[in-house]
N, C-alpha and C. Protein backbone atom coordinates (compact mmCIF):
# COMPACT_ATOMS: atom_id res chain seq x y z
N UNK A 1 0.83 -1.19 0.00
CA UNK A 1 0.00 0.00 0.00
C UNK A 1 0.87 1.25 0.00
N UNK A 2 1.56 1.48 -1.05
CA UNK A 2 2.42 2.65 -1.21
C UNK A 2 1.62 3.94 -1.09
N UNK A 3 0.37 3.89 -1.49
CA UNK A 3 -0.49 5.08 -1.48
C UNK A 3 -0.61 5.65 -0.06
N UNK A 4 -0.76 4.80 0.95
CA UNK A 4 -0.95 5.26 2.32
C UNK A 4 0.35 5.56 3.05
N UNK A 5 1.50 5.37 2.42
CA UNK A 5 2.77 5.75 3.06
C UNK A 5 2.91 7.27 3.11
N UNK A 6 2.19 7.97 2.25
CA UNK A 6 2.17 9.42 2.27
C UNK A 6 1.20 9.86 3.36
N UNK A 7 1.66 10.62 4.38
CA UNK A 7 0.76 10.97 5.49
C UNK A 7 -0.46 11.78 5.04
N UNK A 8 -0.34 12.49 3.94
CA UNK A 8 -1.48 13.28 3.46
C UNK A 8 -2.58 12.38 2.93
N UNK A 9 -2.23 11.24 2.40
CA UNK A 9 -3.20 10.31 1.83
C UNK A 9 -3.80 9.35 2.85
N UNK A 10 -3.17 9.23 4.00
CA UNK A 10 -3.61 8.27 5.01
C UNK A 10 -4.90 8.74 5.68
N UNK A 11 -5.99 8.00 5.56
CA UNK A 11 -7.26 8.44 6.15
C UNK A 11 -7.24 8.52 7.68
N UNK A 12 -6.28 7.88 8.34
CA UNK A 12 -6.18 7.96 9.80
C UNK A 12 -5.80 9.36 10.27
N UNK A 13 -5.21 10.16 9.38
CA UNK A 13 -4.80 11.52 9.73
C UNK A 13 -5.91 12.55 9.55
N UNK A 14 -7.08 12.11 9.17
CA UNK A 14 -8.22 13.01 8.96
C UNK A 14 -9.33 12.69 9.95
N UNK A 15 -9.81 13.70 10.63
CA UNK A 15 -10.95 13.56 11.53
C UNK A 15 -12.16 14.17 10.84
N UNK A 16 -13.29 13.50 10.94
CA UNK A 16 -14.52 13.91 10.27
C UNK A 16 -14.35 13.99 8.76
N UNK A 17 -13.30 13.40 8.25
CA UNK A 17 -13.06 13.38 6.81
C UNK A 17 -12.45 14.64 6.24
N UNK A 18 -12.35 15.72 7.02
CA UNK A 18 -11.86 16.98 6.48
C UNK A 18 -10.76 17.64 7.30
N UNK A 19 -10.66 17.36 8.58
CA UNK A 19 -9.65 18.00 9.43
C UNK A 19 -8.38 17.16 9.46
N UNK A 20 -7.30 17.72 8.93
CA UNK A 20 -6.01 17.02 8.92
C UNK A 20 -5.35 17.22 10.27
N UNK A 21 -5.07 16.12 10.98
CA UNK A 21 -4.44 16.17 12.30
C UNK A 21 -3.33 15.12 12.34
N UNK A 22 -2.08 15.61 12.30
CA UNK A 22 -0.93 14.71 12.31
C UNK A 22 0.20 15.39 13.08
N UNK A 23 0.42 14.96 14.32
CA UNK A 23 1.45 15.55 15.17
C UNK A 23 2.86 15.31 14.63
N UNK A 24 3.05 14.24 13.89
CA UNK A 24 4.37 13.94 13.36
C UNK A 24 4.73 14.83 12.17
N UNK A 25 3.76 15.48 11.58
CA UNK A 25 3.99 16.35 10.43
C UNK A 25 4.28 17.76 10.94
N UNK A 26 5.43 18.30 10.60
CA UNK A 26 5.83 19.61 11.12
C UNK A 26 5.25 20.77 10.32
N UNK A 27 4.62 20.49 9.20
CA UNK A 27 4.09 21.56 8.35
C UNK A 27 2.78 22.12 8.91
N UNK A 28 2.58 23.42 8.70
CA UNK A 28 1.32 24.06 9.05
C UNK A 28 0.33 23.89 7.90
N UNK A 29 0.79 24.20 6.69
CA UNK A 29 -0.03 24.04 5.49
C UNK A 29 0.40 22.77 4.78
N UNK A 30 -0.55 21.90 4.51
CA UNK A 30 -0.27 20.66 3.79
C UNK A 30 -1.14 20.60 2.54
N UNK A 31 -0.65 19.98 1.48
CA UNK A 31 -1.48 19.88 0.27
C UNK A 31 -2.76 19.11 0.56
N UNK A 32 -3.83 19.51 -0.12
CA UNK A 32 -5.10 18.82 0.07
C UNK A 32 -5.00 17.39 -0.42
N UNK A 33 -5.81 16.55 0.16
CA UNK A 33 -5.84 15.14 -0.20
C UNK A 33 -6.34 14.97 -1.63
N UNK A 34 -7.35 15.73 -1.99
CA UNK A 34 -7.93 15.67 -3.33
C UNK A 34 -7.97 17.07 -3.92
N UNK A 35 -7.63 17.20 -5.17
CA UNK A 35 -7.70 18.49 -5.83
C UNK A 35 -6.49 19.37 -5.53
N UNK A 36 -6.66 20.65 -5.84
CA UNK A 36 -5.58 21.61 -5.67
C UNK A 36 -5.80 22.43 -4.41
N UNK A 37 -4.73 22.97 -3.88
CA UNK A 37 -4.82 23.84 -2.72
C UNK A 37 -4.17 23.24 -1.49
N UNK A 38 -4.38 23.92 -0.38
CA UNK A 38 -3.76 23.51 0.88
C UNK A 38 -4.80 23.47 1.99
N UNK A 39 -4.49 22.73 3.02
CA UNK A 39 -5.31 22.68 4.22
C UNK A 39 -4.40 22.87 5.42
N UNK A 40 -4.99 23.08 6.58
CA UNK A 40 -4.21 23.31 7.80
C UNK A 40 -4.01 22.01 8.57
N UNK A 41 -2.88 21.93 9.25
CA UNK A 41 -2.60 20.81 10.14
C UNK A 41 -3.07 21.20 11.54
N UNK A 42 -4.23 20.71 11.94
CA UNK A 42 -4.83 21.10 13.21
C UNK A 42 -4.18 20.45 14.42
N UNK A 43 -3.10 19.72 14.24
CA UNK A 43 -2.35 19.17 15.37
C UNK A 43 -1.47 20.24 16.01
N UNK A 44 -1.26 21.34 15.33
CA UNK A 44 -0.46 22.43 15.86
C UNK A 44 -1.34 23.37 16.68
N UNK A 45 -0.97 23.64 17.94
CA UNK A 45 -1.82 24.45 18.81
C UNK A 45 -2.06 25.86 18.26
N UNK A 46 -1.06 26.48 17.65
CA UNK A 46 -1.24 27.84 17.15
C UNK A 46 -2.17 27.89 15.95
N UNK A 47 -2.31 26.79 15.23
CA UNK A 47 -3.28 26.73 14.13
C UNK A 47 -4.70 26.74 14.71
N UNK A 48 -4.91 25.96 15.74
CA UNK A 48 -6.23 25.90 16.38
C UNK A 48 -6.57 27.26 17.00
N UNK A 49 -5.63 27.89 17.68
CA UNK A 49 -5.86 29.19 18.29
C UNK A 49 -6.17 30.23 17.21
N UNK A 50 -5.41 30.24 16.14
CA UNK A 50 -5.66 31.17 15.04
C UNK A 50 -7.02 30.96 14.41
N UNK A 51 -7.40 29.71 14.20
CA UNK A 51 -8.69 29.39 13.63
C UNK A 51 -9.82 29.87 14.54
N UNK A 52 -9.68 29.64 15.85
CA UNK A 52 -10.70 30.08 16.80
C UNK A 52 -10.79 31.61 16.86
N UNK A 53 -9.67 32.29 16.76
CA UNK A 53 -9.69 33.76 16.75
C UNK A 53 -10.42 34.30 15.51
N UNK A 54 -10.15 33.70 14.37
CA UNK A 54 -10.84 34.12 13.15
C UNK A 54 -12.33 33.84 13.26
N UNK A 55 -12.68 32.67 13.76
CA UNK A 55 -14.09 32.32 13.94
C UNK A 55 -14.77 33.26 14.92
N UNK A 56 -14.10 33.59 16.03
CA UNK A 56 -14.66 34.51 17.03
C UNK A 56 -14.86 35.91 16.43
N UNK A 57 -13.92 36.36 15.61
CA UNK A 57 -14.05 37.67 14.96
C UNK A 57 -15.25 37.70 14.03
N UNK A 58 -15.43 36.64 13.27
CA UNK A 58 -16.57 36.57 12.35
C UNK A 58 -17.89 36.57 13.13
N UNK A 59 -17.95 35.76 14.18
CA UNK A 59 -19.17 35.71 14.98
C UNK A 59 -19.45 37.04 15.69
N UNK A 60 -18.43 37.66 16.23
CA UNK A 60 -18.58 38.96 16.88
C UNK A 60 -19.12 40.00 15.91
N UNK A 61 -18.55 40.03 14.72
CA UNK A 61 -18.99 40.98 13.69
C UNK A 61 -20.43 40.71 13.28
N UNK A 62 -20.79 39.44 13.15
CA UNK A 62 -22.14 39.09 12.72
C UNK A 62 -23.17 39.41 13.80
N UNK A 63 -22.81 39.27 15.07
CA UNK A 63 -23.77 39.46 16.15
C UNK A 63 -23.89 40.94 16.55
N UNK A 64 -22.79 41.63 16.65
CA UNK A 64 -22.79 43.00 17.20
C UNK A 64 -22.71 44.10 16.16
N UNK A 65 -22.88 43.78 14.95
CA UNK A 65 -22.82 44.81 13.91
C UNK A 65 -24.17 45.39 13.64
């Protein structure tokens, strides 16, 4: 199974089918499993914090505007 030797292709590294979580991978941005583009490695704490800050900003703007 050469296909699954690539951590990006391994389905065990994806939660809910879309969140890439791999502590052994040092990259923040990893190529998407399918198609073009990049996704975030949510195993990094600063990625999760950044994502939550962006989400909080969007929600704050939507509620208090």
